[in-house]
C-alpha atoms as a PDB file:
ATOM      1  CA  MET A   1      -4.371  11.086 -23.866  1.00  0.00           C
ATOM      2  CA  ARG A   2      -5.611  10.116 -20.409  1.00  0.00           C
ATOM      3  CA  LEU A   3      -3.945  11.870 -17.491  1.00  0.00           C
ATOM      4  CA  ASP A   4      -2.849   8.637 -15.783  1.00  0.00           C
ATOM      5  CA  LYS A   5      -1.241   7.352 -18.993  1.00  0.00           C
ATOM      6  CA  PHE A   6       0.561  10.668 -19.612  1.00  0.00           C
ATOM      7  CA  LEU A   7       1.989  10.650 -16.081  1.00  0.00           C
ATOM      8  CA  LYS A   8       3.291   7.113 -16.598  1.00  0.00           C
ATOM      9  CA  VAL A   9       4.706   7.596 -20.123  1.00  0.00           C
ATOM     10  CA  SER A  10       6.367  10.899 -19.151  1.00  0.00           C
ATOM     11  CA  ARG A  11       7.680   9.205 -15.986  1.00  0.00           C
ATOM     12  CA  LEU A  12       6.421  11.976 -13.709  1.00  0.00           C
ATOM     13  CA  ILE A  13       4.872   9.050 -11.804  1.00  0.00           C
ATOM     14  CA  LYS A  14       6.407   5.606 -12.370  1.00  0.00           C
ATOM     15  CA  ARG A  15       3.280   3.413 -12.421  1.00  0.00           C
ATOM     16  CA  ARG A  16      -0.129   4.020 -13.939  1.00  0.00           C
ATOM     17  CA  THR A  17      -1.931   2.545 -10.924  1.00  0.00           C
ATOM     18  CA  LEU A  18      -0.093   4.992  -8.662  1.00  0.00           C
ATOM     19  CA  ALA A  19      -0.956   7.860 -11.049  1.00  0.00           C
ATOM     20  CA  LYS A  20      -4.622   6.836 -10.785  1.00  0.00           C
ATOM     21  CA  GLU A  21      -4.492   6.757  -6.976  1.00  0.00           C
ATOM     22  CA  VAL A  22      -2.824  10.187  -6.781  1.00  0.00           C
ATOM     23  CA  SER A  23      -5.411  11.760  -9.093  1.00  0.00           C
ATOM     24  CA  ASP A  24      -8.303  10.068  -7.253  1.00  0.00           C
ATOM     25  CA  GLN A  25      -6.982  11.665  -4.032  1.00  0.00           C
ATOM     26  CA  GLY A  26      -7.347  15.103  -5.645  1.00  0.00           C
ATOM     27  CA  ARG A  27      -3.606  15.832  -5.741  1.00  0.00           C
ATOM     28  CA  ILE A  28      -3.448  16.711  -9.450  1.00  0.00           C
ATOM     29  CA  LEU A  29      -4.749  19.867 -11.130  1.00  0.00           C
ATOM     30  CA  VAL A  30      -5.029  20.329 -14.897  1.00  0.00           C
ATOM     31  CA  ASN A  31      -5.158  24.033 -15.802  1.00  0.00           C
ATOM     32  CA  GLY A  32      -6.120  24.806 -12.189  1.00  0.00           C
ATOM     33  CA  ILE A  33      -9.024  22.342 -12.072  1.00  0.00           C
ATOM     34  CA  GLN A  34      -8.936  19.147  -9.987  1.00  0.00           C
ATOM     35  CA  ALA A  35      -8.541  16.212 -12.385  1.00  0.00           C
ATOM     36  CA  LYS A  36      -9.475  12.542 -12.442  1.00  0.00           C
ATOM     37  CA  ALA A  37      -7.288   9.797 -13.929  1.00  0.00           C
ATOM     38  CA  SER A  38      -9.535   9.706 -17.014  1.00  0.00           C
ATOM     39  CA  THR A  39      -9.191  13.446 -17.750  1.00  0.00           C
ATOM     40  CA  ASN A  40      -7.882  14.057 -21.258  1.00  0.00           C
ATOM     41  CA  VAL A  41      -4.712  16.149 -21.454  1.00  0.00           C
ATOM     42  CA  LYS A  42      -3.264  17.879 -24.518  1.00  0.00           C
ATOM     43  CA  VAL A  43      -0.196  19.876 -25.519  1.00  0.00           C
ATOM     44  CA  GLY A  44      -0.143  23.218 -23.707  1.00  0.00           C
ATOM     45  CA  ASP A  45      -2.003  21.996 -20.604  1.00  0.00           C
ATOM     46  CA  GLU A  46      -0.505  22.875 -17.224  1.00  0.00           C
ATOM     47  CA  LEU A  47      -0.339  20.096 -14.619  1.00  0.00           C
ATOM     48  CA  THR A  48       0.185  20.699 -10.910  1.00  0.00           C
ATOM     49  CA  VAL A  49       1.085  17.548  -8.976  1.00  0.00           C
ATOM     50  CA  ARG A  50       1.446  17.352  -5.197  1.00  0.00           C
ATOM     51  CA  PHE A  51       4.011  14.767  -4.038  1.00  0.00           C
ATOM     52  CA  GLY A  52       3.969  14.798  -0.234  1.00  0.00           C
ATOM     53  CA  GLN A  53       5.998  17.916   0.711  1.00  0.00           C
ATOM     54  CA  LYS A  54       6.637  19.000  -2.892  1.00  0.00           C
ATOM     55  CA  ILE A  55       4.407  20.632  -5.516  1.00  0.00           C
ATOM     56  CA  VAL A  56       5.561  20.433  -9.136  1.00  0.00           C
ATOM     57  CA  THR A  57       3.967  22.445 -11.950  1.00  0.00           C
ATOM     58  CA  VAL A  58       4.740  21.360 -15.532  1.00  0.00           C
ATOM     59  CA  GLN A  59       3.534  22.286 -18.995  1.00  0.00           C
ATOM     60  CA  ILE A  60       2.900  19.529 -21.538  1.00  0.00           C
ATOM     61  CA  ASP A  61       5.121  19.989 -24.609  1.00  0.00           C
ATOM     62  CA  LYS A  62       4.564  16.667 -26.406  1.00  0.00           C
ATOM     63  CA  ILE A  63       2.190  13.730 -26.275  1.00  0.00           C
ATOM     64  CA  LEU A  64       3.797  10.371 -27.109  1.00  0.00           C
ATOM     65  CA  GLU A  65       2.178   6.941 -26.799  1.00  0.00           C
ATOM     66  CA  THR A  66       5.482   5.356 -25.750  1.00  0.00           C
ATOM     67  CA  THR A  67       8.923   6.748 -25.127  1.00  0.00           C
ATOM     68  CA  LYS A  68      12.394   5.820 -24.017  1.00  0.00           C
ATOM     69  CA  LYS A  69      13.547   6.832 -20.554  1.00  0.00           C
ATOM     70  CA  GLU A  70      15.956   9.447 -21.962  1.00  0.00           C
ATOM     71  CA  GLU A  71      13.225  11.118 -24.040  1.00  0.00           C
ATOM     72  CA  ALA A  72      10.478  11.084 -21.382  1.00  0.00           C
ATOM     73  CA  ALA A  73      11.590  14.398 -19.835  1.00  0.00           C
ATOM     74  CA  LYS A  74      11.150  16.112 -23.225  1.00  0.00           C
ATOM     75  CA  MET A  75       7.378  15.577 -22.974  1.00  0.00           C
ATOM     76  CA  TYR A  76       7.057  18.409 -20.436  1.00  0.00           C
ATOM     77  CA  SER A  77       8.779  21.543 -19.097  1.00  0.00           C
ATOM     78  CA  VAL A  78       8.969  22.219 -15.379  1.00  0.00           C
ATOM     79  CA  ILE A  79       7.463  25.641 -14.677  1.00  0.00           C
ATOM     80  CA  LYS A  80       8.078  25.598 -10.925  1.00  0.00           C
ATOM     81  CA  GLU A  81       8.837  23.343  -7.983  1.00  0.00           C
ATOM     82  CA  GLU A  82       8.009  24.330  -4.442  1.00  0.00           C
ATOM     83  CA  ARG A  83       8.338  22.764  -1.037  1.00  0.00           C
ATOM     84  CA  VAL A  84       5.348  22.824   1.287  1.00  0.00           C
ATOM     85  CA  GLN A  85       5.973  23.151   5.006  1.00  0.00           C
ATOM     86  CA  ALA A  86       4.280  20.560   7.173  1.00  0.00           C
ATOM     87  CA  GLU A  87       1.368  22.016   9.110  1.00  0.00           C
ATOM     88  CA  SER A  88       1.895  22.145  12.876  1.00  0.00           C
END
């Protein structure tokens, strides 16, 4: 599945267009490698997403084409969340 679609379906990022913009800005790593929106992701891959002051690392547990809001969080496990201090 494409990275941008996974981010939308899993609700890590609410809209696919926003997921594409974030990946085009180089703020998403798949298994430690900078990823584009079209990068294919699979079960077991580790995603690191930078949201402003927060960096979230998740592991993909399931790939679903569509999902309900309640089940979206079951598509991944959060490995770590960290806050980044603003540079002075």
